[in-house]
Amino acid sequence: MKNLLLRRLALCCVVLLFSESALNAQAYKKLHEKAVLVDTHNDVLSSATMRGLDISQDLRGKTHSDLARFKEGGVDVQVFSIFCDERFGKDTAFKFANIEIDSLYAITARNADKMAMVFTPKQLDWAVKQHKLAAMIGVEGGHMIAGDIANLDSLYKRGARYLTLTWNNSTEWASSAKDESGDSVRNPHKGLNDFGKQVVQRMNQLGMMVDLSHVGEQTFWDAIHTTTKPVLVSHSCAYALCPVFRNLKDEQIKAVGANGGVIQVNFYSGFLDSTYFRRQKEFIARHQQDADALKQNGKAEYEIQEELYRKYPAEAEQLRAPFNLLIDHIDYIAKLAGVEHVGLGSDFDGIEAPPQQLNGVEDYPLVTKALLERGYTKKDIRKILGGNFIRVFKANSKK
C-alpha cells in the first residue's frame, strides 16, 4: 500500500510539473504574440536583396530573414538598414542608398498583402493592426549624405527615419568609434564639427532620429549635447560586459537614459561575448590561406569572415556566443538606465555569428521566454520588445 501511494504521489508531481511547464510555454507565446515587436536594424537589403535574393521566398540556410520567418518570429516592425561601406565615396554612396530604398519599395509593392511602408507612428499602428510587417528605413552611415544637407532632406522625404551618424568609417564631419579607438583617426577632427552639429539639428527639425551606434565617444557626447530630441542607439551593447569599441560605456548608457532615448541591443556574438574575437582570430589563423585569397579578390574584412563561416560551418557554430549573454546585456542596460531605455536591434543579416539558438528572425520568441524567466513583468517586456522604440519614434516625429 505504501509503495502504491508513493507511486501515485510521484505521478501527481510529474503531472503538475508538466502542467506548469505547458502553462509557462503558453504564457510567453501569448505575450510574444500580443506585444508589438520592433527590430531596429536588419541588413537583409544590402546582404541579400542587392545580390538578387528574394525575401518573399524561403531563404533558410542563406539568410537570417525572409517574410515568412518575420511572421513566424512575431516581428511587427522591421527597420531595414540602408548600407554601403567606406568603399563607396561621395559620388556613389548617396546613389547606392537610393537604389537600396528603391529595392525596399519594390519588395513592399510586390508583397502588399504582407507588408507596408510606414513613415509615421500612426502608419505604424495601422500596419500592426492590419497584421502586416511595418517596413521602416534607417540609413547606416553619414557618408551616404555625401556632405550635403540637401541629401539628408532627400533621404528623409524618401522615408528614412534614422541616420547613423557614422558607420565604422569617419566622415569629414563626424568621427567613428573604430577610428577614435585606434592609434590614429582618419578624420583629424574628433567628434562633430560645426557641419556635423548642423546635421543633428536638421535631423531634429525633420523628425529623423539621431542614431548613435558606431560613433566615437567624442561624437556621442557632441551629439548628446546638440540634440533636442531623444536619441536612438540602433544596434549596440554594453562595454562593461564586452569591452569592444562598438559598445557603450556606463556613462554613455546613463546619458541615453537621461536624454530619454533607447539602446537597441545588438545580437552579434562579438559584441556580446568578451572571448569571441580571440577565438575568431584563432579560427581565421587556421584558414589563413583562404582568408588571404579572399582579400586578394577585394573582399572587405567582414566579407572574408562571412565567407569563411559559410565554408566551415561546424567551426563557426562553436564560435557563437551563449544565448544567455544577450539577455545579460539587456538586463545590464535596463538596470543601469531603466527598463524604458532598452530594446532590440538584432543586426541580423549583417553579422556572421548571432548567439546560439537565435538562428534567424523566426527565433525571436526565445527572447520573450528568457525575459520572463529573468523575472521581467509583462509590462516591462512589452516595453523592451517594441514600446520603448515607439515612444522615441513618436518623440522625434512631427506632430
Protein backbone atom coordinates (compact mmCIF):
# COMPACT_ATOMS: atom_id res chain seq x y z
CA MET A 1 0.00 0.00 0.00
CA LYS A 2 2.80 2.39 0.93
CA ASN A 3 4.60 1.81 -2.38
CA LEU A 4 1.36 2.40 -4.27
CA LEU A 5 0.82 5.73 -2.50
CA LEU A 6 4.38 6.79 -3.27
CA ARG A 7 3.96 5.91 -6.95
CA ARG A 8 0.71 7.91 -7.12
CA LEU A 9 2.36 10.86 -5.39
CA ALA A 10 5.27 10.75 -7.82
CA LEU A 11 2.83 10.60 -10.75
CA CYS A 12 0.95 13.63 -9.42
CA CYS A 13 4.21 15.57 -9.15
CA VAL A 14 5.11 14.72 -12.75
CA VAL A 15 1.66 15.81 -13.95
CA LEU A 16 1.92 19.09 -12.00
CA LEU A 17 5.38 19.82 -13.36
CA PHE A 18 4.26 19.06 -16.90
CA SER A 19 1.19 21.28 -16.48
CA GLU A 20 3.28 24.15 -15.08
CA SER A 21 5.73 23.84 -17.97
CA ALA A 22 2.88 23.86 -20.50
CA LEU A 23 1.33 26.93 -18.85
CA ASN A 24 4.67 28.76 -18.89
CA ALA A 25 5.15 27.96 -22.57
CA GLN A 26 1.65 29.19 -23.33
CA ALA A 27 2.27 32.37 -21.29
CA TYR A 28 5.39 33.50 -23.16
CA LYS A 29 3.93 32.64 -26.56
CA LYS A 30 0.75 34.58 -25.80
CA LEU A 31 2.72 37.57 -24.53
CA HIS A 32 5.01 37.49 -27.57
CA GLU A 33 2.06 37.31 -29.94
CA LYS A 34 0.26 40.27 -28.34
CA ALA A 35 3.32 42.53 -27.91
CA VAL A 36 4.48 44.84 -30.71
CA LEU A 37 7.96 43.60 -31.60
CA VAL A 38 10.30 46.14 -33.21
CA ASP A 39 13.74 45.27 -34.58
CA THR A 40 15.62 48.48 -35.37
CA HIS A 41 18.40 47.03 -37.51
CA ASN A 42 18.40 44.31 -40.17
CA ASP A 43 20.84 44.25 -43.11
CA VAL A 44 19.00 41.86 -45.41
CA LEU A 45 18.67 44.54 -48.12
CA SER A 46 22.41 45.02 -48.60
CA SER A 47 23.46 41.45 -47.79
CA ALA A 48 20.80 39.56 -49.75
CA THR A 49 18.40 41.65 -51.82
CA MET A 50 21.18 43.50 -53.62
CA ARG A 51 22.64 40.09 -54.50
CA GLY A 52 19.41 39.07 -56.21
CA LEU A 53 17.79 37.07 -53.41
CA ASP A 54 14.03 37.50 -52.91
CA ILE A 55 12.88 37.75 -49.28
CA SER A 56 9.38 36.67 -50.27
CA GLN A 57 10.93 33.23 -50.87
CA ASP A 58 12.16 30.72 -48.28
CA LEU A 59 15.77 31.72 -47.66
CA ARG A 60 16.58 29.40 -44.74
CA GLY A 61 20.23 28.46 -44.90
CA LYS A 62 21.00 31.56 -46.98
CA THR A 63 19.91 34.45 -44.76
CA HIS A 64 18.68 35.17 -41.25
CA SER A 65 15.50 36.73 -42.63
CA ASP A 66 12.63 36.36 -45.06
CA LEU A 67 8.99 37.44 -44.98
CA ALA A 68 7.62 34.12 -43.76
CA ARG A 69 10.14 34.00 -40.92
CA PHE A 70 9.42 37.60 -39.89
CA LYS A 71 5.83 36.43 -39.41
CA GLU A 72 6.90 33.24 -37.65
CA GLY A 73 9.08 35.21 -35.23
CA GLY A 74 6.36 37.71 -34.44
CA VAL A 75 8.24 40.70 -35.86
CA ASP A 76 5.75 43.54 -36.30
CA VAL A 77 8.08 46.39 -37.24
CA GLN A 78 11.37 45.98 -39.08
CA VAL A 79 13.72 48.89 -39.71
CA PHE A 80 15.63 47.88 -42.82
CA SER A 81 19.18 49.18 -42.92
CA ILE A 82 20.32 51.17 -45.95
CA PHE A 83 24.02 50.43 -46.02
CA CYS A 84 27.18 50.67 -48.06
CA ASP A 85 30.72 50.62 -46.68
CA GLU A 86 33.65 53.03 -46.94
CA ARG A 87 34.49 51.84 -50.47
CA PHE A 88 31.53 53.92 -51.67
CA GLY A 89 32.62 57.56 -51.99
CA LYS A 90 30.81 60.84 -52.43
CA ASP A 91 29.80 60.10 -56.00
CA THR A 92 28.37 56.65 -55.29
CA ALA A 93 27.22 56.33 -51.65
CA PHE A 94 24.14 58.56 -51.93
CA LYS A 95 23.18 56.96 -55.25
CA PHE A 96 23.54 53.47 -53.81
CA ALA A 97 21.42 54.42 -50.79
CA ASN A 98 18.63 55.39 -53.15
CA ILE A 99 18.97 52.15 -55.10
CA GLU A 100 18.52 50.19 -51.85
CA ILE A 101 15.48 52.31 -50.95
CA ASP A 102 14.08 51.60 -54.43
CA SER A 103 14.59 47.90 -53.72
CA LEU A 104 12.62 48.06 -50.46
CA TYR A 105 9.79 49.94 -52.15
CA ALA A 106 9.66 47.31 -54.89
CA ILE A 107 9.65 44.43 -52.39
CA THR A 108 6.82 46.07 -50.47
CA ALA A 109 4.78 46.70 -53.62
CA ARG A 110 5.14 43.04 -54.67
CA ASN A 111 4.07 41.85 -51.22
CA ALA A 112 1.42 44.44 -50.33
CA ASP A 113 -0.67 41.77 -48.61
CA LYS A 114 2.18 41.02 -46.18
CA MET A 115 3.97 44.34 -45.57
CA ALA A 116 3.59 48.10 -45.77
CA MET A 117 5.97 51.06 -45.81
CA VAL A 118 5.45 53.26 -42.76
CA PHE A 119 6.79 56.74 -42.08
CA THR A 120 4.75 57.92 -39.08
CA PRO A 121 3.66 56.42 -35.76
CA LYS A 122 0.04 56.41 -37.00
CA GLN A 123 1.02 54.39 -40.07
CA LEU A 124 2.98 52.01 -37.86
CA ASP A 125 -0.05 51.47 -35.67
CA TRP A 126 -2.25 50.88 -38.74
CA ALA A 127 0.14 48.32 -40.25
CA VAL A 128 0.36 46.38 -36.98
CA LYS A 129 -3.43 46.29 -36.68
CA GLN A 130 -3.64 45.02 -40.26
CA HIS A 131 -1.16 42.24 -39.35
CA LYS A 132 1.32 43.50 -41.93
CA LEU A 133 5.05 43.86 -41.43
CA ALA A 134 5.66 47.58 -40.89
CA ALA A 135 8.74 48.34 -43.01
CA MET A 136 10.84 51.32 -41.98
CA ILE A 137 14.06 52.78 -43.35
CA GLY A 138 17.24 53.53 -41.38
CA VAL A 139 20.38 54.82 -43.13
CA GLU A 140 23.57 53.33 -41.67
CA GLY A 141 26.38 55.79 -42.18
CA GLY A 142 26.62 59.57 -42.55
CA HIS A 143 28.90 59.15 -45.57
CA MET A 144 25.73 58.43 -47.56
CA ILE A 145 24.63 62.08 -47.40
CA ALA A 146 27.94 62.95 -49.12
CA GLY A 147 28.48 66.08 -47.03
CA ASP A 148 25.27 67.72 -48.28
CA ILE A 149 22.30 68.65 -46.08
CA ALA A 150 20.09 68.54 -49.19
CA ASN A 151 20.83 64.81 -49.45
CA LEU A 152 19.75 64.36 -45.83
CA ASP A 153 16.45 66.08 -46.67
CA SER A 154 16.06 63.87 -49.72
CA LEU A 155 16.57 60.66 -47.74
CA TYR A 156 14.02 61.82 -45.17
CA LYS A 157 11.48 62.54 -47.94
CA ARG A 158 12.08 59.04 -49.27
CA GLY A 159 11.20 57.60 -45.87
CA ALA A 160 14.44 57.38 -43.86
CA ARG A 161 13.58 57.81 -40.19
CA TYR A 162 17.03 57.48 -38.70
CA LEU A 163 20.56 58.23 -39.79
CA THR A 164 23.51 56.53 -38.08
CA LEU A 165 25.96 59.46 -37.95
CA THR A 166 28.88 57.21 -38.93
CA TRP A 167 29.49 53.62 -39.85
CA ASN A 168 32.98 52.29 -38.96
CA ASN A 169 34.41 54.93 -41.31
CA SER A 170 34.56 58.54 -40.17
CA THR A 171 33.16 61.33 -42.30
CA GLU A 172 34.58 64.83 -42.69
CA TRP A 173 32.13 65.94 -40.01
CA ALA A 174 31.95 63.05 -37.52
CA SER A 175 34.46 60.53 -36.14
CA SER A 176 33.58 56.86 -35.76
CA ALA A 177 34.12 54.57 -32.79
CA LYS A 178 36.52 52.45 -34.83
CA ASP A 179 38.67 55.43 -35.73
CA GLU A 180 38.54 57.08 -32.32
CA SER A 181 39.56 53.83 -30.63
CA GLY A 182 42.51 53.23 -32.98
CA ASP A 183 46.04 54.63 -32.98
CA SER A 184 45.07 57.31 -35.47
CA VAL A 185 41.87 58.88 -36.69
CA ARG A 186 41.33 59.06 -40.44
CA ASN A 187 39.29 62.18 -39.74
CA PRO A 188 41.62 64.63 -37.92
CA HIS A 189 38.60 66.25 -36.29
CA LYS A 190 37.42 64.20 -33.30
CA GLY A 191 33.70 64.40 -32.64
CA LEU A 192 31.25 66.58 -34.55
CA ASN A 193 32.46 69.69 -36.31
CA ASP A 194 30.13 72.63 -37.00
CA PHE A 195 28.63 70.91 -40.04
CA GLY A 196 28.08 67.74 -38.01
CA LYS A 197 26.15 69.70 -35.41
CA GLN A 198 24.08 71.22 -38.22
CA VAL A 199 23.26 67.68 -39.39
CA VAL A 200 21.98 66.74 -35.93
CA GLN A 201 19.97 69.96 -35.69
CA ARG A 202 18.46 69.40 -39.13
CA MET A 203 17.52 65.83 -38.19
CA ASN A 204 15.69 67.19 -35.14
CA GLN A 205 13.82 69.64 -37.37
CA LEU A 206 12.90 66.98 -39.92
CA GLY A 207 11.76 64.38 -37.40
CA MET A 208 14.59 61.95 -38.11
CA MET A 209 16.05 60.01 -35.19
CA VAL A 210 19.74 60.58 -34.44
CA ASP A 211 21.35 57.12 -34.29
CA LEU A 212 24.50 56.89 -32.17
CA SER A 213 25.56 53.32 -32.90
CA HIS A 214 29.04 53.18 -34.48
CA VAL A 215 30.00 56.73 -33.44
CA GLY A 216 33.12 57.62 -31.44
CA GLU A 217 32.86 58.71 -27.83
CA GLN A 218 33.50 62.37 -28.66
CA THR A 219 30.92 62.25 -31.43
CA PHE A 220 28.50 60.63 -29.00
CA TRP A 221 28.89 63.41 -26.42
CA ASP A 222 28.78 66.17 -29.02
CA ALA A 223 25.53 64.71 -30.40
CA ILE A 224 24.00 64.29 -26.93
CA HIS A 225 24.78 67.94 -26.15
CA THR A 226 23.42 69.11 -29.53
CA THR A 227 20.19 67.16 -29.96
CA THR A 228 16.89 68.43 -28.61
CA LYS A 229 15.16 65.07 -29.13
CA PRO A 230 15.61 61.58 -27.63
CA VAL A 231 18.34 59.63 -29.44
CA LEU A 232 18.37 56.11 -30.81
CA VAL A 233 21.25 53.66 -30.47
CA SER A 234 20.04 51.20 -33.08
CA HIS A 235 22.36 48.21 -32.56
CA SER A 236 24.90 48.32 -29.71
CA CYS A 237 25.67 46.56 -26.42
CA ALA A 238 27.26 47.21 -23.01
CA TYR A 239 31.02 47.83 -22.84
CA ALA A 240 31.22 46.69 -19.21
CA LEU A 241 30.22 43.15 -20.27
CA CYS A 242 32.12 43.10 -23.55
CA PRO A 243 34.81 45.80 -23.90
CA VAL A 244 34.91 46.44 -27.65
CA PHE A 245 34.91 49.81 -29.43
CA ARG A 246 31.32 49.43 -30.66
CA ASN A 247 29.75 49.08 -27.22
CA LEU A 248 28.56 51.81 -24.86
CA LYS A 249 30.33 52.64 -21.62
CA ASP A 250 28.31 53.11 -18.44
CA GLU A 251 28.30 56.92 -18.61
CA GLN A 252 27.04 56.76 -22.20
CA ILE A 253 24.27 54.34 -21.22
CA LYS A 254 23.21 56.65 -18.39
CA ALA A 255 23.30 59.64 -20.75
CA VAL A 256 20.96 57.93 -23.20
CA GLY A 257 18.59 57.28 -20.32
CA ALA A 258 18.76 60.91 -19.15
CA ASN A 259 18.13 62.03 -22.74
CA GLY A 260 15.00 59.85 -22.92
CA GLY A 261 16.47 57.74 -25.69
CA VAL A 262 16.72 53.99 -26.20
CA ILE A 263 19.57 51.49 -26.71
CA GLN A 264 18.64 48.60 -29.00
CA VAL A 265 20.80 45.59 -28.12
CA ASN A 266 22.83 44.01 -30.93
CA PHE A 267 22.80 40.21 -31.36
CA TYR A 268 26.37 39.96 -32.70
CA SER A 269 28.46 37.45 -30.75
CA GLY A 270 31.46 39.78 -30.97
CA PHE A 271 29.60 42.49 -29.06
CA LEU A 272 28.09 40.06 -26.52
CA ASP A 273 30.97 37.73 -25.63
CA SER A 274 34.32 39.14 -24.49
CA THR A 275 36.12 35.95 -25.66
CA TYR A 276 34.69 35.98 -29.18
CA PHE A 277 37.32 37.98 -31.09
CA ARG A 278 40.20 35.99 -29.61
CA ARG A 279 38.52 32.76 -30.67
CA GLN A 280 37.65 34.22 -34.08
CA LYS A 281 41.27 35.26 -34.64
CA GLU A 282 42.38 31.70 -33.93
CA PHE A 283 39.75 30.40 -36.38
CA ILE A 284 40.92 32.72 -39.15
CA ALA A 285 44.57 31.80 -38.49
CA ARG A 286 43.64 28.16 -39.09
CA HIS A 287 42.31 29.16 -42.50
CA GLN A 288 44.76 31.94 -43.35
CA GLN A 289 45.29 30.74 -46.91
CA ASP A 290 41.57 31.06 -47.64
CA ALA A 291 41.45 34.49 -45.95
CA ASP A 292 44.41 35.77 -47.98
CA ALA A 293 42.83 34.60 -51.23
CA LEU A 294 39.58 36.40 -50.41
CA LYS A 295 41.49 39.56 -49.51
CA GLN A 296 43.33 39.46 -52.85
CA ASN A 297 39.92 39.27 -54.55
CA GLY A 298 39.00 42.60 -52.98
CA LYS A 299 36.80 41.33 -50.16
CA ALA A 300 36.37 43.54 -47.09
CA GLU A 301 37.23 42.16 -43.65
CA TYR A 302 33.61 41.47 -42.72
CA GLU A 303 33.01 39.75 -46.07
CA ILE A 304 36.04 37.49 -45.53
CA GLN A 305 34.68 36.45 -42.15
CA GLU A 306 31.25 35.67 -43.62
CA GLU A 307 32.79 33.58 -46.42
CA LEU A 308 34.93 31.57 -44.01
CA TYR A 309 31.95 30.92 -41.73
CA ARG A 310 29.95 29.60 -44.66
CA LYS A 311 32.84 27.35 -45.73
CA TYR A 312 33.49 25.93 -42.24
CA PRO A 313 30.05 25.85 -40.57
CA ALA A 314 30.89 23.35 -37.81
CA GLU A 315 33.75 25.50 -36.53
CA ALA A 316 31.69 28.66 -36.93
CA GLU A 317 28.92 27.19 -34.80
CA GLN A 318 31.35 26.74 -31.91
CA LEU A 319 32.27 30.42 -32.00
CA ARG A 320 28.74 31.69 -31.34
CA ALA A 321 28.07 33.39 -28.01
CA PRO A 322 25.90 31.66 -25.40
CA PHE A 323 22.30 32.84 -25.68
CA ASN A 324 22.17 33.99 -22.05
CA LEU A 325 24.76 36.71 -22.76
CA LEU A 326 22.23 38.54 -24.93
CA ILE A 327 19.82 38.66 -22.00
CA ASP A 328 22.70 39.74 -19.72
CA HIS A 329 23.27 42.82 -21.89
CA ILE A 330 19.57 43.70 -21.92
CA ASP A 331 19.49 43.22 -18.17
CA TYR A 332 22.59 45.34 -17.60
CA ILE A 333 21.26 48.31 -19.58
CA ALA A 334 17.80 48.03 -18.02
CA LYS A 335 19.27 48.13 -14.51
CA LEU A 336 21.69 50.98 -15.27
CA ALA A 337 19.48 53.31 -17.34
CA GLY A 338 15.98 51.97 -16.65
CA VAL A 339 13.84 49.44 -18.44
CA GLU A 340 12.34 52.27 -20.53
CA HIS A 341 15.67 52.69 -22.32
CA VAL A 342 16.47 49.27 -23.81
CA GLY A 343 15.19 47.43 -26.87
CA LEU A 344 16.24 45.08 -29.68
CA GLY A 345 18.34 45.82 -32.75
CA SER A 346 19.45 42.41 -33.94
CA ASP A 347 21.78 43.26 -36.85
CA PHE A 348 20.55 40.03 -38.44
CA ASP A 349 21.98 39.54 -41.93
CA GLY A 350 24.73 41.99 -41.06
CA ILE A 351 26.53 39.63 -38.67
CA GLU A 352 28.27 36.33 -39.26
CA ALA A 353 27.58 34.96 -35.77
CA PRO A 354 24.35 35.53 -33.83
CA PRO A 355 24.12 33.88 -30.40
CA GLN A 356 23.37 30.19 -30.06
CA GLN A 357 19.68 29.29 -30.51
CA LEU A 358 18.97 32.52 -32.43
CA ASN A 359 19.41 31.25 -35.97
CA GLY A 360 17.19 33.88 -37.55
CA VAL A 361 14.24 36.19 -37.05
CA GLU A 362 11.97 33.18 -36.50
CA ASP A 363 13.59 32.59 -33.11
CA TYR A 364 12.58 35.89 -31.51
CA PRO A 365 10.05 34.24 -29.12
CA LEU A 366 13.02 32.80 -27.22
CA VAL A 367 13.93 36.34 -26.13
CA THR A 368 10.47 36.86 -24.63
CA LYS A 369 10.70 33.49 -22.88
CA ALA A 370 14.10 34.34 -21.41
CA LEU A 371 12.96 37.76 -20.19
CA LEU A 372 10.02 36.16 -18.40
CA GLU A 373 12.38 33.66 -16.81
CA ARG A 374 14.59 36.56 -15.64
CA GLY A 375 11.61 37.96 -13.75
CA TYR A 376 10.61 40.84 -16.01
CA THR A 377 6.95 41.80 -15.85
CA LYS A 378 4.76 41.56 -18.92
CA LYS A 379 4.53 45.35 -18.99
CA ASP A 380 8.31 45.74 -19.00
CA ILE A 381 8.75 43.04 -21.64
CA ARG A 382 6.34 44.87 -23.92
CA LYS A 383 8.49 47.98 -23.47
CA ILE A 384 11.68 46.11 -24.35
CA LEU A 385 10.19 44.31 -27.35
CA GLY A 386 8.97 47.49 -29.00
CA GLY A 387 7.26 50.01 -26.76
CA ASN A 388 10.43 51.94 -25.94
CA PHE A 389 11.34 52.42 -29.60
CA ILE A 390 7.81 53.53 -30.47
CA ARG A 391 7.98 56.15 -27.70
CA VAL A 392 11.24 57.55 -29.14
CA PHE A 393 9.83 57.42 -32.66
CA LYS A 394 6.82 59.45 -31.53
CA ALA A 395 9.01 61.94 -29.65
CA ASN A 396 11.01 62.61 -32.84
CA SER A 397 8.12 62.66 -35.30
CA LYS A 398 6.48 65.84 -36.50
CA LYS A 399 3.10 66.42 -34.88
